[in-house]
């Protein structure tokens, strides 16, 4: 139970929209199969890890234009490979 309380403390630090989204995911997860619950828990843990990295400044932040450039380049690579 201590882990759940730790996660809850972290979630409560999020903006209201993100907390609402997390609450919806938790409620939705109650109707899921055990495998789906495990996958959801792993995703939630990863999101928590990433949120902490952003909050503590250890995450590498990338400008939106740079992200767009990288995605466009990657899509071109994939399309070129598929065309061959």
PDB file of N, CA and C in Angstrom:
ATOM      1  N   UNK A   1       0.812  -1.198   0.000  1.00  0.00           N
ATOM      2  CA  UNK A   1       0.000   0.000   0.000  1.00  0.00           C
ATOM      3  C   UNK A   1       0.858   1.267   0.000  1.00  0.00           C
ATOM      4  N   UNK A   2       2.069   1.164   0.516  1.00  0.00           N
ATOM      5  CA  UNK A   2       2.941   2.338   0.583  1.00  0.00           C
ATOM      6  C   UNK A   2       3.269   2.849  -0.818  1.00  0.00           C
ATOM      7  N   UNK A   3       3.475   1.918  -1.780  1.00  0.00           N
ATOM      8  CA  UNK A   3       3.767   2.347  -3.152  1.00  0.00           C
ATOM      9  C   UNK A   3       2.597   3.124  -3.730  1.00  0.00           C
ATOM     10  N   UNK A   4       1.386   2.647  -3.491  1.00  0.00           N
ATOM     11  CA  UNK A   4       0.201   3.334  -4.001  1.00  0.00           C
ATOM     12  C   UNK A   4       0.123   4.739  -3.410  1.00  0.00           C
ATOM     13  N   UNK A   5       0.432   4.869  -2.137  1.00  0.00           N
ATOM     14  CA  UNK A   5       0.382   6.179  -1.497  1.00  0.00           C
ATOM     15  C   UNK A   5       1.469   7.109  -2.048  1.00  0.00           C
ATOM     16  N   UNK A   6       2.646   6.545  -2.359  1.00  0.00           N
ATOM     17  CA  UNK A   6       3.708   7.350  -2.969  1.00  0.00           C
ATOM     18  C   UNK A   6       3.262   7.866  -4.329  1.00  0.00           C
ATOM     19  N   UNK A   7       2.678   6.968  -5.118  1.00  0.00           N
ATOM     20  CA  UNK A   7       2.193   7.375  -6.438  1.00  0.00           C
ATOM     21  C   UNK A   7       1.099   8.428  -6.303  1.00  0.00           C
ATOM     22  N   UNK A   8       0.217   8.236  -5.347  1.00  0.00           N
ATOM     23  CA  UNK A   8      -0.863   9.193  -5.138  1.00  0.00           C
ATOM     24  C   UNK A   8      -0.303  10.573  -4.786  1.00  0.00           C
ATOM     25  N   UNK A   9       0.693  10.614  -3.914  1.00  0.00           N
ATOM     26  CA  UNK A   9       1.299  11.901  -3.561  1.00  0.00           C
ATOM     27  C   UNK A   9       1.853  12.596  -4.801  1.00  0.00           C
ATOM     28  N   UNK A  10       2.491  11.827  -5.688  1.00  0.00           N
ATOM     29  CA  UNK A  10       3.037  12.395  -6.931  1.00  0.00           C
ATOM     30  C   UNK A  10       1.906  12.861  -7.850  1.00  0.00           C
ATOM     31  N   UNK A  11       0.874  12.044  -7.975  1.00  0.00           N
ATOM     32  CA  UNK A  11      -0.246  12.405  -8.844  1.00  0.00           C
ATOM     33  C   UNK A  11      -0.943  13.672  -8.358  1.00  0.00           C
ATOM     34  N   UNK A  12      -1.036  13.827  -7.055  1.00  0.00           N
ATOM     35  CA  UNK A  12      -1.711  15.007  -6.504  1.00  0.00           C
ATOM     36  C   UNK A  12      -0.957  16.301  -6.801  1.00  0.00           C
ATOM     37  N   UNK A  13       0.291  16.198  -7.201  1.00  0.00           N
ATOM     38  CA  UNK A  13       1.077  17.381  -7.562  1.00  0.00           C
ATOM     39  C   UNK A  13       0.773  17.845  -8.991  1.00  0.00           C
ATOM     40  N   UNK A  14       0.113  17.008  -9.771  1.00  0.00           N
ATOM     41  CA  UNK A  14      -0.172  17.328 -11.172  1.00  0.00           C
ATOM     42  C   UNK A  14      -1.301  18.347 -11.289  1.00  0.00           C
ATOM     43  N   UNK A  15      -1.365  19.030 -12.435  1.00  0.00           N
ATOM     44  CA  UNK A  15      -2.497  19.940 -12.682  1.00  0.00           C
ATOM     45  C   UNK A  15      -3.813  19.163 -12.688  1.00  0.00           C
ATOM     46  N   UNK A  16      -4.902  19.853 -12.461  1.00  0.00           N
ATOM     47  CA  UNK A  16      -6.202  19.209 -12.303  1.00  0.00           C
ATOM     48  C   UNK A  16      -6.589  18.369 -13.521  1.00  0.00           C
ATOM     49  N   UNK A  17      -6.273  18.836 -14.738  1.00  0.00           N
ATOM     50  CA  UNK A  17      -6.638  18.066 -15.931  1.00  0.00           C
ATOM     51  C   UNK A  17      -5.925  16.724 -15.951  1.00  0.00           C
ATOM     52  N   UNK A  18      -4.650  16.722 -15.588  1.00  0.00           N
ATOM     53  CA  UNK A  18      -3.881  15.479 -15.580  1.00  0.00           C
ATOM     54  C   UNK A  18      -4.346  14.547 -14.460  1.00  0.00           C
ATOM     55  N   UNK A  19      -4.712  15.119 -13.318  1.00  0.00           N
ATOM     56  CA  UNK A  19      -5.239  14.297 -12.224  1.00  0.00           C
ATOM     57  C   UNK A  19      -6.555  13.655 -12.630  1.00  0.00           C
ATOM     58  N   UNK A  20      -7.406  14.424 -13.327  1.00  0.00           N
ATOM     59  CA  UNK A  20      -8.689  13.890 -13.785  1.00  0.00           C
ATOM     60  C   UNK A  20      -8.466  12.752 -14.771  1.00  0.00           C
ATOM     61  N   UNK A  21      -7.506  12.936 -15.654  1.00  0.00           N
ATOM     62  CA  UNK A  21      -7.197  11.878 -16.631  1.00  0.00           C
ATOM     63  C   UNK A  21      -6.700  10.624 -15.904  1.00  0.00           C
ATOM     64  N   UNK A  22      -5.822  10.802 -14.945  1.00  0.00           N
ATOM     65  CA  UNK A  22      -5.308   9.661 -14.178  1.00  0.00           C
ATOM     66  C   UNK A  22      -6.440   8.958 -13.430  1.00  0.00           C
ATOM     67  N   UNK A  23      -7.345   9.735 -12.865  1.00  0.00           N
ATOM     68  CA  UNK A  23      -8.475   9.140 -12.139  1.00  0.00           C
ATOM     69  C   UNK A  23      -9.351   8.327 -13.085  1.00  0.00           C
ATOM     70  N   UNK A  24      -9.597   8.848 -14.274  1.00  0.00           N
ATOM     71  CA  UNK A  24     -10.402   8.120 -15.261  1.00  0.00           C
ATOM     72  C   UNK A  24      -9.724   6.813 -15.640  1.00  0.00           C
ATOM     73  N   UNK A  25      -8.411   6.872 -15.873  1.00  0.00           N
ATOM     74  CA  UNK A  25      -7.675   5.656 -16.214  1.00  0.00           C
ATOM     75  C   UNK A  25      -7.768   4.623 -15.093  1.00  0.00           C
ATOM     76  N   UNK A  26      -7.642   5.084 -13.862  1.00  0.00           N
ATOM     77  CA  UNK A  26      -7.741   4.158 -12.728  1.00  0.00           C
ATOM     78  C   UNK A  26      -9.130   3.534 -12.646  1.00  0.00           C
ATOM     79  N   UNK A  27     -10.153   4.350 -12.804  1.00  0.00           N
ATOM     80  CA  UNK A  27     -11.515   3.817 -12.757  1.00  0.00           C
ATOM     81  C   UNK A  27     -11.767   2.846 -13.910  1.00  0.00           C
ATOM     82  N   UNK A  28     -11.320   3.212 -15.105  1.00  0.00           N
ATOM     83  CA  UNK A  28     -11.488   2.329 -16.262  1.00  0.00           C
ATOM     84  C   UNK A  28     -10.762   1.005 -16.065  1.00  0.00           C
ATOM     85  N   UNK A  29      -9.642   1.065 -15.362  1.00  0.00           N
ATOM     86  CA  UNK A  29      -8.829  -0.141 -15.188  1.00  0.00           C
ATOM     87  C   UNK A  29      -9.521  -1.191 -14.318  1.00  0.00           C
ATOM     88  N   UNK A  30     -10.497  -0.784 -13.536  1.00  0.00           N
ATOM     89  CA  UNK A  30     -11.186  -1.729 -12.670  1.00  0.00           C
ATOM     90  C   UNK A  30     -12.002  -2.744 -13.453  1.00  0.00           C
ATOM     91  N   UNK A  31     -12.330  -2.416 -14.696  1.00  0.00           N
ATOM     92  CA  UNK A  31     -13.122  -3.307 -15.540  1.00  0.00           C
ATOM     93  C   UNK A  31     -12.258  -4.145 -16.478  1.00  0.00           C
ATOM     94  N   UNK A  32     -10.944  -4.009 -16.387  1.00  0.00           N
ATOM     95  CA  UNK A  32     -10.059  -4.673 -17.327  1.00  0.00           C
ATOM     96  C   UNK A  32      -9.567  -6.020 -16.822  1.00  0.00           C
ATOM     97  N   UNK A  33      -9.004  -6.771 -17.750  1.00  0.00           N
ATOM     98  CA  UNK A  33      -8.400  -8.057 -17.437  1.00  0.00           C
ATOM     99  C   UNK A  33      -7.053  -7.837 -16.740  1.00  0.00           C
ATOM    100  N   UNK A  34      -6.556  -8.826 -15.991  1.00  0.00           N
ATOM    101  CA  UNK A  34      -5.279  -8.677 -15.281  1.00  0.00           C
ATOM    102  C   UNK A  34      -4.109  -8.267 -16.180  1.00  0.00           C
ATOM    103  N   UNK A  35      -4.028  -8.808 -17.411  1.00  0.00           N
ATOM    104  CA  UNK A  35      -2.927  -8.454 -18.309  1.00  0.00           C
ATOM    105  C   UNK A  35      -3.001  -6.969 -18.686  1.00  0.00           C
ATOM    106  N   UNK A  36      -4.213  -6.504 -18.909  1.00  0.00           N
ATOM    107  CA  UNK A  36      -4.395  -5.101 -19.249  1.00  0.00           C
ATOM    108  C   UNK A  36      -4.040  -4.215 -18.064  1.00  0.00           C
ATOM    109  N   UNK A  37      -4.382  -4.660 -16.865  1.00  0.00           N
ATOM    110  CA  UNK A  37      -4.040  -3.901 -15.666  1.00  0.00           C
ATOM    111  C   UNK A  37      -2.532  -3.770 -15.515  1.00  0.00           C
ATOM    112  N   UNK A  38      -1.813  -4.859 -15.769  1.00  0.00           N
ATOM    113  CA  UNK A  38      -0.359  -4.820 -15.665  1.00  0.00           C
ATOM    114  C   UNK A  38       0.236  -3.850 -16.675  1.00  0.00           C
ATOM    115  N   UNK A  39      -0.258  -3.902 -17.911  1.00  0.00           N
ATOM    116  CA  UNK A  39       0.231  -2.990 -18.946  1.00  0.00           C
ATOM    117  C   UNK A  39      -0.072  -1.543 -18.562  1.00  0.00           C
ATOM    118  N   UNK A  40      -1.269  -1.299 -18.047  1.00  0.00           N
ATOM    119  CA  UNK A  40      -1.628   0.047 -17.617  1.00  0.00           C
ATOM    120  C   UNK A  40      -0.743   0.515 -16.468  1.00  0.00           C
ATOM    121  N   UNK A  41      -0.445  -0.375 -15.541  1.00  0.00           N
ATOM    122  CA  UNK A  41       0.419  -0.021 -14.407  1.00  0.00           C
ATOM    123  C   UNK A  41       1.818   0.335 -14.893  1.00  0.00           C
ATOM    124  N   UNK A  42       2.320  -0.419 -15.869  1.00  0.00           N
ATOM    125  CA  UNK A  42       3.642  -0.121 -16.428  1.00  0.00           C
ATOM    126  C   UNK A  42       3.641   1.233 -17.124  1.00  0.00           C
ATOM    127  N   UNK A  43       2.582   1.523 -17.873  1.00  0.00           N
ATOM    128  CA  UNK A  43       2.485   2.824 -18.545  1.00  0.00           C
ATOM    129  C   UNK A  43       2.413   3.947 -17.509  1.00  0.00           C
ATOM    130  N   UNK A  44       1.632   3.745 -16.465  1.00  0.00           N
ATOM    131  CA  UNK A  44       1.505   4.763 -15.421  1.00  0.00           C
ATOM    132  C   UNK A  44       2.845   5.011 -14.731  1.00  0.00           C
ATOM    133  N   UNK A  45       3.585   3.938 -14.477  1.00  0.00           N
ATOM    134  CA  UNK A  45       4.899   4.089 -13.849  1.00  0.00           C
ATOM    135  C   UNK A  45       5.846   4.860 -14.761  1.00  0.00           C
ATOM    136  N   UNK A  46       5.785   4.570 -16.056  1.00  0.00           N
ATOM    137  CA  UNK A  46       6.640   5.285 -17.009  1.00  0.00           C
ATOM    138  C   UNK A  46       6.251   6.756 -17.093  1.00  0.00           C
ATOM    139  N   UNK A  47       4.970   7.025 -17.103  1.00  0.00           N
ATOM    140  CA  UNK A  47       4.527   8.418 -17.122  1.00  0.00           C
ATOM    141  C   UNK A  47       4.956   9.160 -15.860  1.00  0.00           C
ATOM    142  N   UNK A  48       4.867   8.484 -14.727  1.00  0.00           N
ATOM    143  CA  UNK A  48       5.307   9.086 -13.468  1.00  0.00           C
ATOM    144  C   UNK A  48       6.803   9.367 -13.511  1.00  0.00           C
ATOM    145  N   UNK A  49       7.574   8.397 -14.026  1.00  0.00           N
ATOM    146  CA  UNK A  49       9.022   8.593 -14.138  1.00  0.00           C
ATOM    147  C   UNK A  49       9.335   9.794 -15.022  1.00  0.00           C
ATOM    148  N   UNK A  50       8.648   9.882 -16.150  1.00  0.00           N
ATOM    149  CA  UNK A  50       8.900  10.995 -17.071  1.00  0.00           C
ATOM    150  C   UNK A  50       8.475  12.328 -16.470  1.00  0.00           C
ATOM    151  N   UNK A  51       7.346  12.350 -15.765  1.00  0.00           N
ATOM    152  CA  UNK A  51       6.893  13.593 -15.131  1.00  0.00           C
ATOM    153  C   UNK A  51       7.898  14.059 -14.085  1.00  0.00           C
ATOM    154  N   UNK A  52       8.436  13.111 -13.331  1.00  0.00           N
ATOM    155  CA  UNK A  52       9.461  13.471 -12.331  1.00  0.00           C
ATOM    156  C   UNK A  52      10.700  14.043 -13.007  1.00  0.00           C
ATOM    157  N   UNK A  53      11.106  13.439 -14.126  1.00  0.00           N
ATOM    158  CA  UNK A  53      12.291  13.913 -14.843  1.00  0.00           C
ATOM    159  C   UNK A  53      12.082  15.339 -15.355  1.00  0.00           C
ATOM    160  N   UNK A  54      10.887  15.633 -15.820  1.00  0.00           N
ATOM    161  CA  UNK A  54      10.589  16.997 -16.267  1.00  0.00           C
ATOM    162  C   UNK A  54      10.610  17.933 -15.060  1.00  0.00           C
ATOM    163  N   UNK A  55       9.973  17.516 -13.979  1.00  0.00           N
ATOM    164  CA  UNK A  55       9.887  18.366 -12.785  1.00  0.00           C
ATOM    165  C   UNK A  55      11.247  18.645 -12.165  1.00  0.00           C
ATOM    166  N   UNK A  56      12.127  17.628 -12.144  1.00  0.00           N
ATOM    167  CA  UNK A  56      13.430  17.846 -11.505  1.00  0.00           C
ATOM    168  C   UNK A  56      14.494  18.368 -12.472  1.00  0.00           C
ATOM    169  N   UNK A  57      14.101  18.560 -13.735  1.00  0.00           N
ATOM    170  CA  UNK A  57      15.023  19.152 -14.701  1.00  0.00           C
ATOM    171  C   UNK A  57      15.985  18.180 -15.350  1.00  0.00           C
ATOM    172  N   UNK A  58      15.866  16.894 -15.077  1.00  0.00           N
ATOM    173  CA  UNK A  58      16.796  15.932 -15.662  1.00  0.00           C
ATOM    174  C   UNK A  58      16.367  15.444 -17.045  1.00  0.00           C
ATOM    175  N   UNK A  59      15.143  15.776 -17.456  1.00  0.00           N
ATOM    176  CA  UNK A  59      14.663  15.367 -18.783  1.00  0.00           C
ATOM    177  C   UNK A  59      15.258  16.289 -19.844  1.00  0.00           C
ATOM    178  N   UNK A  60      15.583  15.696 -20.982  1.00  0.00           N
ATOM    179  CA  UNK A  60      16.051  16.500 -22.108  1.00  0.00           C
ATOM    180  C   UNK A  60      14.826  17.029 -22.835  1.00  0.00           C
ATOM    181  N   UNK A  61      14.662  18.326 -22.814  1.00  0.00           N
ATOM    182  CA  UNK A  61      13.517  18.930 -23.470  1.00  0.00           C
ATOM    183  C   UNK A  61      13.896  19.248 -24.913  1.00  0.00           C
ATOM    184  N   UNK A  62      12.996  18.946 -25.833  1.00  0.00           N
ATOM    185  CA  UNK A  62      13.254  19.165 -27.255  1.00  0.00           C
ATOM    186  C   UNK A  62      12.194  20.117 -27.788  1.00  0.00           C
ATOM    187  N   UNK A  63      12.650  21.128 -28.523  1.00  0.00           N
ATOM    188  CA  UNK A  63      11.768  22.102 -29.126  1.00  0.00           C
ATOM    189  C   UNK A  63      10.790  21.420 -30.083  1.00  0.00           C
ATOM    190  N   UNK A  64       9.559  21.893 -30.120  1.00  0.00           N
ATOM    191  CA  UNK A  64       8.521  21.280 -30.960  1.00  0.00           C
ATOM    192  C   UNK A  64       8.932  21.244 -32.426  1.00  0.00           C
ATOM    193  N   UNK A  65       9.588  22.283 -32.908  1.00  0.00           N
ATOM    194  CA  UNK A  65      10.035  22.294 -34.310  1.00  0.00           C
ATOM    195  C   UNK A  65      11.045  21.185 -34.574  1.00  0.00           C
ATOM    196  N   UNK A  66      11.920  20.939 -33.632  1.00  0.00           N
ATOM    197  CA  UNK A  66      12.905  19.867 -33.777  1.00  0.00           C
ATOM    198  C   UNK A  66      12.218  18.508 -33.790  1.00  0.00           C
ATOM    199  N   UNK A  67      11.237  18.327 -32.930  1.00  0.00           N
ATOM    200  CA  UNK A  67      10.476  17.075 -32.908  1.00  0.00           C
ATOM    201  C   UNK A  67       9.787  16.872 -34.254  1.00  0.00           C
ATOM    202  N   UNK A  68       9.146  17.909 -34.757  1.00  0.00           N
ATOM    203  CA  UNK A  68       8.460  17.838 -36.046  1.00  0.00           C
ATOM    204  C   UNK A  68       9.443  17.468 -37.155  1.00  0.00           C
ATOM    205  N   UNK A  69      10.643  18.065 -37.136  1.00  0.00           N
ATOM    206  CA  UNK A  69      11.651  17.780 -38.141  1.00  0.00           C
ATOM    207  C   UNK A  69      12.078  16.319 -38.074  1.00  0.00           C
ATOM    208  N   UNK A  70      12.312  15.822 -36.854  1.00  0.00           N
ATOM    209  CA  UNK A  70      12.744  14.428 -36.688  1.00  0.00           C
ATOM    210  C   UNK A  70      11.670  13.440 -37.141  1.00  0.00           C
ATOM    211  N   UNK A  71      10.422  13.730 -36.775  1.00  0.00           N
ATOM    212  CA  UNK A  71       9.324  12.832 -37.160  1.00  0.00           C
ATOM    213  C   UNK A  71       9.162  12.821 -38.670  1.00  0.00           C
ATOM    214  N   UNK A  72       9.216  13.991 -39.290  1.00  0.00           N
ATOM    215  CA  UNK A  72       9.098  14.074 -40.745  1.00  0.00           C
ATOM    216  C   UNK A  72      10.215  13.292 -41.425  1.00  0.00           C
ATOM    217  N   UNK A  73      11.430  13.443 -40.948  1.00  0.00           N
ATOM    218  CA  UNK A  73      12.566  12.721 -41.526  1.00  0.00           C
ATOM    219  C   UNK A  73      12.392  11.218 -41.363  1.00  0.00           C
ATOM    220  N   UNK A  74      11.934  10.799 -40.196  1.00  0.00           N
ATOM    221  CA  UNK A  74      11.739   9.362 -39.943  1.00  0.00           C
ATOM    222  C   UNK A  74      10.643   8.795 -40.839  1.00  0.00           C
ATOM    223  N   UNK A  75       9.557   9.525 -41.023  1.00  0.00           N
ATOM    224  CA  UNK A  75       8.481   9.079 -41.906  1.00  0.00           C
ATOM    225  C   UNK A  75       8.972   8.959 -43.349  1.00  0.00           C
ATOM    226  N   UNK A  76       9.796   9.907 -43.788  1.00  0.00           N
ATOM    227  CA  UNK A  76      10.369   9.818 -45.136  1.00  0.00           C
ATOM    228  C   UNK A  76      11.206   8.556 -45.284  1.00  0.00           C
ATOM    229  N   UNK A  77      12.017   8.259 -44.254  1.00  0.00           N
ATOM    230  CA  UNK A  77      12.840   7.038 -44.286  1.00  0.00           C
ATOM    231  C   UNK A  77      11.967   5.795 -44.442  1.00  0.00           C
ATOM    232  N   UNK A  78      10.915   5.726 -43.647  1.00  0.00           N
ATOM    233  CA  UNK A  78      10.029   4.567 -43.671  1.00  0.00           C
ATOM    234  C   UNK A  78       9.348   4.432 -45.023  1.00  0.00           C
ATOM    235  N   UNK A  79       8.826   5.537 -45.542  1.00  0.00           N
ATOM    236  CA  UNK A  79       8.151   5.497 -46.839  1.00  0.00           C
ATOM    237  C   UNK A  79       9.103   5.115 -47.962  1.00  0.00           C
ATOM    238  N   UNK A  80      10.316   5.599 -47.891  1.00  0.00           N
ATOM    239  CA  UNK A  80      11.314   5.255 -48.913  1.00  0.00           C
ATOM    240  C   UNK A  80      11.635   3.781 -48.861  1.00  0.00           C
ATOM    241  N   UNK A  81      11.795   3.253 -47.663  1.00  0.00           N
ATOM    242  CA  UNK A  81      12.092   1.836 -47.489  1.00  0.00           C
ATOM    243  C   UNK A  81      10.930   0.963 -47.982  1.00  0.00           C
ATOM    244  N   UNK A  82       9.710   1.396 -47.699  1.00  0.00           N
ATOM    245  CA  UNK A  82       8.532   0.632 -48.119  1.00  0.00           C
ATOM    246  C   UNK A  82       8.351   0.680 -49.625  1.00  0.00           C
ATOM    247  N   UNK A  83       8.783   1.762 -50.269  1.00  0.00           N
ATOM    248  CA  UNK A  83       8.640   1.904 -51.716  1.00  0.00           C
ATOM    249  C   UNK A  83       9.619   0.991 -52.467  1.00  0.00           C
ATOM    250  N   UNK A  84      10.682   0.587 -51.804  1.00  0.00           N
ATOM    251  CA  UNK A  84      11.689  -0.251 -52.475  1.00  0.00           C
ATOM    252  C   UNK A  84      11.238  -1.653 -52.601  1.00  0.00           C
TER     253      UNK A  84
END
